[in-house]
Amino acid sequence: MVKITRRQFFKATGTAAAGSSLTLLGAAPTPAMAEVRQYKLARMTETRNTCPYCSVACGLLMYGIGDGAKNAIDTIVHIEGDPDNPVNRGALCPKGAGLIDFIHSPNRLKYPEYRAPGSDKWVRMSWEEAIDKVARLMKDDRDANFIEKNEKGETVNRWLTTGMLAASASPNEVGYLTHKVIRPMGMLAFDNQARV
């Protein structure tokens, strides 16, 4: 003998009655058509990149939409951790997970700006002007502060007033090339963000 409570009885009979009444009134469901749902990132361009925030250098997969047409603006619509990256294996910290907001922020700088000493205004400049300005300032500083010989008369070729901090997200090859560019100038203060 099956024991059933009063609540269970009303649930069962009420559901059955409601279902049969709706069917009689023409509210029966139509036959469902089977369809394979399209993968949301199927039409997107996948780009591998490195998170710009800290010295861990987590790998990213960025998905952009846009066909490269003349008047179309390509945009990144989804970012996730790269599961093939040995550093983070697909995981991202909260800053990396929120990177899409950083990309689409209206406050994000997309071009170089310069503020002259004593000024309170930032002036927009081209990339060529910015690179030329940095090169000129480095050259002037090196010419003014280069030490060719020490107190004993030994050749040392040192430049002690400027330093270089390399990006930790760069691979070993970029670190090697940066070292090969900085050391011949005589620059001794050279470090990597990953060690800081």
C-alpha atoms as a PDB file:
ATOM      1  CA  MET A   1       0.000   0.000   0.000  1.00  0.00           C
ATOM      2  CA  VAL A   2       1.327   3.408  -1.018  1.00  0.00           C
ATOM      3  CA  LYS A   3       1.158   6.084   1.607  1.00  0.00           C
ATOM      4  CA  ILE A   4       0.515   9.539   0.256  1.00  0.00           C
ATOM      5  CA  THR A   5      -0.053  12.730   2.158  1.00  0.00           C
ATOM      6  CA  ARG A   6      -2.867  15.106   1.474  1.00  0.00           C
ATOM      7  CA  ARG A   7      -0.411  17.720   0.141  1.00  0.00           C
ATOM      8  CA  GLN A   8       1.132  15.218  -2.285  1.00  0.00           C
ATOM      9  CA  PHE A   9      -2.334  14.178  -3.485  1.00  0.00           C
ATOM     10  CA  PHE A  10      -3.399  17.746  -4.278  1.00  0.00           C
ATOM     11  CA  LYS A  11      -0.085  18.461  -6.007  1.00  0.00           C
ATOM     12  CA  ALA A  12      -0.414  15.430  -8.256  1.00  0.00           C
ATOM     13  CA  THR A  13      -4.086  15.864  -9.129  1.00  0.00           C
ATOM     14  CA  GLY A  14      -3.821  19.651  -9.469  1.00  0.00           C
ATOM     15  CA  THR A  15      -0.903  19.403 -11.898  1.00  0.00           C
ATOM     16  CA  ALA A  16      -2.631  16.743 -13.973  1.00  0.00           C
ATOM     17  CA  ALA A  17      -5.903  18.683 -14.073  1.00  0.00           C
ATOM     18  CA  ALA A  18      -4.186  21.931 -15.014  1.00  0.00           C
ATOM     19  CA  GLY A  19      -2.222  20.217 -17.772  1.00  0.00           C
ATOM     20  CA  SER A  20      -5.296  18.524 -19.271  1.00  0.00           C
ATOM     21  CA  SER A  21      -7.361  21.740 -19.022  1.00  0.00           C
ATOM     22  CA  LEU A  22      -4.663  23.753 -20.834  1.00  0.00           C
ATOM     23  CA  THR A  23      -4.453  21.084 -23.525  1.00  0.00           C
ATOM     24  CA  LEU A  24      -8.239  21.228 -24.036  1.00  0.00           C
ATOM     25  CA  LEU A  25      -8.073  25.030 -24.338  1.00  0.00           C
ATOM     26  CA  GLY A  26      -5.465  24.781 -27.131  1.00  0.00           C
ATOM     27  CA  ALA A  27      -2.404  25.699 -25.096  1.00  0.00           C
ATOM     28  CA  ALA A  28      -0.557  22.512 -25.913  1.00  0.00           C
ATOM     29  CA  PRO A  29       3.085  23.079 -26.822  1.00  0.00           C
ATOM     30  CA  THR A  30       4.010  22.912 -30.476  1.00  0.00           C
ATOM     31  CA  PRO A  31       6.555  20.337 -31.569  1.00  0.00           C
ATOM     32  CA  ALA A  32      10.076  21.504 -30.760  1.00  0.00           C
ATOM     33  CA  MET A  33      12.476  21.825 -33.696  1.00  0.00           C
ATOM     34  CA  ALA A  34      15.989  20.616 -32.991  1.00  0.00           C
ATOM     35  CA  GLU A  35      18.688  23.179 -33.760  1.00  0.00           C
ATOM     36  CA  VAL A  36      22.365  23.373 -32.970  1.00  0.00           C
ATOM     37  CA  ARG A  37      23.084  26.627 -31.204  1.00  0.00           C
ATOM     38  CA  GLN A  38      25.877  28.631 -32.793  1.00  0.00           C
ATOM     39  CA  TYR A  39      28.999  29.097 -30.690  1.00  0.00           C
ATOM     40  CA  LYS A  40      29.078  32.737 -29.539  1.00  0.00           C
ATOM     41  CA  LEU A  41      32.724  33.277 -30.534  1.00  0.00           C
ATOM     42  CA  ALA A  42      32.505  31.481 -33.907  1.00  0.00           C
ATOM     43  CA  ARG A  43      32.706  34.578 -36.119  1.00  0.00           C
ATOM     44  CA  MET A  44      35.325  36.369 -34.032  1.00  0.00           C
ATOM     45  CA  THR A  45      39.039  36.809 -34.490  1.00  0.00           C
ATOM     46  CA  GLU A  46      41.082  35.240 -31.696  1.00  0.00           C
ATOM     47  CA  THR A  47      44.287  37.003 -30.651  1.00  0.00           C
ATOM     48  CA  ARG A  48      46.768  35.819 -28.037  1.00  0.00           C
ATOM     49  CA  ASN A  49      48.237  38.509 -25.822  1.00  0.00           C
ATOM     50  CA  THR A  50      49.745  39.155 -22.407  1.00  0.00           C
ATOM     51  CA  CYS A  51      48.008  40.876 -19.509  1.00  0.00           C
ATOM     52  CA  PRO A  52      49.535  44.352 -18.997  1.00  0.00           C
ATOM     53  CA  TYR A  53      48.959  44.724 -15.261  1.00  0.00           C
ATOM     54  CA  CYS A  54      51.695  43.053 -13.214  1.00  0.00           C
ATOM     55  CA  SER A  55      54.898  41.096 -13.557  1.00  0.00           C
ATOM     56  CA  VAL A  56      53.221  37.666 -13.665  1.00  0.00           C
ATOM     57  CA  ALA A  57      52.581  37.995 -17.440  1.00  0.00           C
ATOM     58  CA  CYS A  58      49.407  35.895 -17.682  1.00  0.00           C
ATOM     59  CA  GLY A  59      48.332  34.806 -21.141  1.00  0.00           C
ATOM     60  CA  LEU A  60      45.102  36.147 -22.617  1.00  0.00           C
ATOM     61  CA  LEU A  61      42.771  35.194 -25.432  1.00  0.00           C
ATOM     62  CA  MET A  62      41.110  38.301 -26.854  1.00  0.00           C
ATOM     63  CA  TYR A  63      38.145  37.977 -29.219  1.00  0.00           C
ATOM     64  CA  GLY A  64      37.446  40.799 -31.625  1.00  0.00           C
ATOM     65  CA  ILE A  65      34.601  41.416 -33.997  1.00  0.00           C
ATOM     66  CA  GLY A  66      34.958  43.270 -37.264  1.00  0.00           C
ATOM     67  CA  ASP A  67      35.797  42.188 -40.767  1.00  0.00           C
ATOM     68  CA  GLY A  68      38.532  44.730 -41.441  1.00  0.00           C
ATOM     69  CA  ALA A  69      36.327  46.721 -43.807  1.00  0.00           C
ATOM     70  CA  LYS A  70      37.357  50.274 -44.601  1.00  0.00           C
ATOM     71  CA  ASN A  71      34.772  52.115 -42.498  1.00  0.00           C
ATOM     72  CA  ALA A  72      34.179  49.420 -39.873  1.00  0.00           C
ATOM     73  CA  ILE A  73      35.693  49.774 -36.410  1.00  0.00           C
ATOM     74  CA  ASP A  74      37.058  46.541 -35.010  1.00  0.00           C
ATOM     75  CA  THR A  75      36.384  46.044 -31.326  1.00  0.00           C
ATOM     76  CA  ILE A  76      37.279  43.519 -28.646  1.00  0.00           C
ATOM     77  CA  VAL A  77      34.164  41.964 -27.148  1.00  0.00           C
ATOM     78  CA  HIS A  78      35.469  39.135 -24.954  1.00  0.00           C
ATOM     79  CA  ILE A  79      38.658  38.374 -23.003  1.00  0.00           C
ATOM     80  CA  GLU A  80      39.528  35.174 -21.161  1.00  0.00           C
ATOM     81  CA  GLY A  81      42.603  33.422 -19.801  1.00  0.00           C
ATOM     82  CA  ASP A  82      44.686  31.354 -22.218  1.00  0.00           C
ATOM     83  CA  PRO A  83      44.485  27.701 -21.132  1.00  0.00           C
ATOM     84  CA  ASP A  84      47.615  26.885 -23.173  1.00  0.00           C
ATOM     85  CA  ASN A  85      49.744  29.498 -21.391  1.00  0.00           C
ATOM     86  CA  PRO A  86      52.075  27.835 -18.851  1.00  0.00           C
ATOM     87  CA  VAL A  87      51.985  30.870 -16.535  1.00  0.00           C
ATOM     88  CA  ASN A  88      48.279  31.052 -15.707  1.00  0.00           C
ATOM     89  CA  ARG A  89      46.777  27.994 -17.467  1.00  0.00           C
ATOM     90  CA  GLY A  90      43.575  29.881 -18.261  1.00  0.00           C
ATOM     91  CA  ALA A  91      43.078  31.554 -14.881  1.00  0.00           C
ATOM     92  CA  LEU A  92      42.970  35.330 -14.424  1.00  0.00           C
ATOM     93  CA  CYS A  93      43.037  37.533 -11.347  1.00  0.00           C
ATOM     94  CA  PRO A  94      40.222  40.108 -10.870  1.00  0.00           C
ATOM     95  CA  LYS A  95      42.208  42.812 -12.682  1.00  0.00           C
ATOM     96  CA  GLY A  96      42.891  40.547 -15.652  1.00  0.00           C
ATOM     97  CA  ALA A  97      39.295  39.342 -15.708  1.00  0.00           C
ATOM     98  CA  GLY A  98      38.099  42.957 -15.854  1.00  0.00           C
ATOM     99  CA  LEU A  99      40.465  43.898 -18.669  1.00  0.00           C
ATOM    100  CA  ILE A 100      37.594  44.478 -21.106  1.00  0.00           C
ATOM    101  CA  ASP A 101      36.601  47.538 -19.030  1.00  0.00           C
ATOM    102  CA  PHE A 102      40.165  48.853 -19.281  1.00  0.00           C
ATOM    103  CA  ILE A 103      40.102  48.510 -23.063  1.00  0.00           C
ATOM    104  CA  HIS A 104      36.772  50.284 -23.505  1.00  0.00           C
ATOM    105  CA  SER A 105      37.360  52.972 -20.867  1.00  0.00           C
ATOM    106  CA  PRO A 106      36.800  56.522 -22.167  1.00  0.00           C
ATOM    107  CA  ASN A 107      39.755  57.615 -19.982  1.00  0.00           C
ATOM    108  CA  ARG A 108      42.248  55.288 -21.689  1.00  0.00           C
ATOM    109  CA  LEU A 109      45.084  57.106 -23.439  1.00  0.00           C
ATOM    110  CA  LYS A 110      45.560  56.092 -27.056  1.00  0.00           C
ATOM    111  CA  TYR A 111      48.280  58.562 -28.022  1.00  0.00           C
ATOM    112  CA  PRO A 112      51.289  60.184 -26.347  1.00  0.00           C
ATOM    113  CA  GLU A 113      50.933  63.407 -24.405  1.00  0.00           C
ATOM    114  CA  TYR A 114      53.570  65.791 -23.073  1.00  0.00           C
ATOM    115  CA  ARG A 115      53.479  68.252 -20.196  1.00  0.00           C
ATOM    116  CA  ALA A 116      56.296  70.802 -20.226  1.00  0.00           C
ATOM    117  CA  PRO A 117      58.084  71.575 -16.951  1.00  0.00           C
ATOM    118  CA  GLY A 118      56.041  74.085 -14.946  1.00  0.00           C
ATOM    119  CA  SER A 119      52.986  73.717 -17.156  1.00  0.00           C
ATOM    120  CA  ASP A 120      49.585  72.420 -16.085  1.00  0.00           C
ATOM    121  CA  LYS A 121      48.474  71.459 -19.607  1.00  0.00           C
ATOM    122  CA  TRP A 122      49.020  68.185 -21.430  1.00  0.00           C
ATOM    123  CA  VAL A 123      49.717  68.545 -25.149  1.00  0.00           C
ATOM    124  CA  ARG A 124      48.913  65.758 -27.583  1.00  0.00           C
ATOM    125  CA  MET A 125      51.759  64.715 -29.871  1.00  0.00           C
ATOM    126  CA  SER A 126      52.365  62.115 -32.568  1.00  0.00           C
ATOM    127  CA  TRP A 127      54.260  58.883 -31.944  1.00  0.00           C
ATOM    128  CA  GLU A 128      57.137  60.123 -34.106  1.00  0.00           C
ATOM    129  CA  GLU A 129      57.412  63.317 -32.045  1.00  0.00           C
ATOM    130  CA  ALA A 130      57.318  61.327 -28.791  1.00  0.00           C
ATOM    131  CA  ILE A 131      60.046  58.907 -29.909  1.00  0.00           C
ATOM    132  CA  ASP A 132      62.211  61.784 -31.172  1.00  0.00           C
ATOM    133  CA  LYS A 133      61.718  63.655 -27.862  1.00  0.00           C
ATOM    134  CA  VAL A 134      62.710  60.645 -25.752  1.00  0.00           C
ATOM    135  CA  ALA A 135      65.753  59.997 -27.965  1.00  0.00           C
ATOM    136  CA  ARG A 136      66.812  63.672 -27.765  1.00  0.00           C
ATOM    137  CA  LEU A 137      66.462  63.777 -23.950  1.00  0.00           C
ATOM    138  CA  MET A 138      68.463  60.543 -23.591  1.00  0.00           C
ATOM    139  CA  LYS A 139      71.198  61.837 -25.911  1.00  0.00           C
ATOM    140  CA  ASP A 140      71.449  65.180 -24.103  1.00  0.00           C
ATOM    141  CA  ASP A 141      71.610  63.478 -20.691  1.00  0.00           C
ATOM    142  CA  ARG A 142      74.250  60.993 -21.845  1.00  0.00           C
ATOM    143  CA  ASP A 143      76.401  63.726 -23.396  1.00  0.00           C
ATOM    144  CA  ALA A 144      76.220  65.799 -20.192  1.00  0.00           C
ATOM    145  CA  ASN A 145      76.845  62.944 -17.708  1.00  0.00           C
ATOM    146  CA  PHE A 146      78.931  60.298 -19.475  1.00  0.00           C
ATOM    147  CA  ILE A 147      81.962  59.132 -17.483  1.00  0.00           C
ATOM    148  CA  GLU A 148      84.726  57.876 -19.741  1.00  0.00           C
ATOM    149  CA  LYS A 149      87.453  57.304 -17.139  1.00  0.00           C
ATOM    150  CA  ASN A 150      87.408  56.828 -13.369  1.00  0.00           C
ATOM    151  CA  GLU A 151      89.705  58.457 -10.769  1.00  0.00           C
ATOM    152  CA  LYS A 152      92.494  55.966 -11.498  1.00  0.00           C
ATOM    153  CA  GLY A 153      92.416  56.776 -15.224  1.00  0.00           C
ATOM    154  CA  GLU A 154      90.859  53.450 -16.193  1.00  0.00           C
ATOM    155  CA  THR A 155      88.336  53.420 -19.022  1.00  0.00           C
ATOM    156  CA  VAL A 156      84.882  52.682 -17.588  1.00  0.00           C
ATOM    157  CA  ASN A 157      82.408  54.264 -20.104  1.00  0.00           C
ATOM    158  CA  ARG A 158      79.549  54.715 -17.623  1.00  0.00           C
ATOM    159  CA  TRP A 159      76.267  56.559 -17.800  1.00  0.00           C
ATOM    160  CA  LEU A 160      74.868  56.706 -14.262  1.00  0.00           C
ATOM    161  CA  THR A 161      72.097  59.339 -14.450  1.00  0.00           C
ATOM    162  CA  THR A 162      69.546  57.307 -16.417  1.00  0.00           C
ATOM    163  CA  GLY A 163      68.214  53.790 -15.886  1.00  0.00           C
ATOM    164  CA  MET A 164      66.082  51.258 -17.714  1.00  0.00           C
ATOM    165  CA  LEU A 165      63.271  49.125 -16.324  1.00  0.00           C
ATOM    166  CA  ALA A 166      62.319  46.374 -18.765  1.00  0.00           C
ATOM    167  CA  ALA A 167      58.825  44.943 -19.023  1.00  0.00           C
ATOM    168  CA  SER A 168      58.387  41.590 -17.348  1.00  0.00           C
ATOM    169  CA  ALA A 169      55.769  40.462 -19.843  1.00  0.00           C
ATOM    170  CA  SER A 170      58.433  40.347 -22.547  1.00  0.00           C
ATOM    171  CA  PRO A 171      60.023  37.010 -23.480  1.00  0.00           C
ATOM    172  CA  ASN A 172      63.695  36.234 -22.931  1.00  0.00           C
ATOM    173  CA  GLU A 173      64.567  37.319 -26.463  1.00  0.00           C
ATOM    174  CA  VAL A 174      63.217  40.846 -25.895  1.00  0.00           C
ATOM    175  CA  GLY A 175      65.079  41.049 -22.571  1.00  0.00           C
ATOM    176  CA  TYR A 176      68.276  40.008 -24.346  1.00  0.00           C
ATOM    177  CA  LEU A 177      67.805  42.617 -27.081  1.00  0.00           C
ATOM    178  CA  THR A 178      66.988  45.328 -24.513  1.00  0.00           C
ATOM    179  CA  HIS A 179      70.182  44.442 -22.656  1.00  0.00           C
ATOM    180  CA  LYS A 180      72.164  44.627 -25.910  1.00  0.00           C
ATOM    181  CA  VAL A 181      70.785  48.110 -26.626  1.00  0.00           C
ATOM    182  CA  ILE A 182      71.206  49.561 -23.112  1.00  0.00           C
ATOM    183  CA  ARG A 183      74.624  48.224 -22.070  1.00  0.00           C
ATOM    184  CA  PRO A 184      76.653  49.638 -25.024  1.00  0.00           C
ATOM    185  CA  MET A 185      75.330  53.103 -24.102  1.00  0.00           C
ATOM    186  CA  GLY A 186      77.081  52.721 -20.761  1.00  0.00           C
ATOM    187  CA  MET A 187      73.863  52.524 -18.736  1.00  0.00           C
ATOM    188  CA  LEU A 188      74.410  50.551 -15.514  1.00  0.00           C
ATOM    189  CA  ALA A 189      70.995  50.932 -13.884  1.00  0.00           C
ATOM    190  CA  PHE A 190      69.112  48.178 -15.696  1.00  0.00           C
ATOM    191  CA  ASP A 191      66.461  45.964 -14.118  1.00  0.00           C
ATOM    192  CA  ASN A 192      63.393  43.926 -14.951  1.00  0.00           C
ATOM    193  CA  GLN A 193      59.917  44.427 -13.475  1.00  0.00           C
ATOM    194  CA  ALA A 194      59.639  40.716 -12.708  1.00  0.00           C
ATOM    195  CA  ARG A 195      62.374  41.043 -10.102  1.00  0.00           C
ATOM    196  CA  VAL A 196      61.032  44.239  -8.497  1.00  0.00           C
END
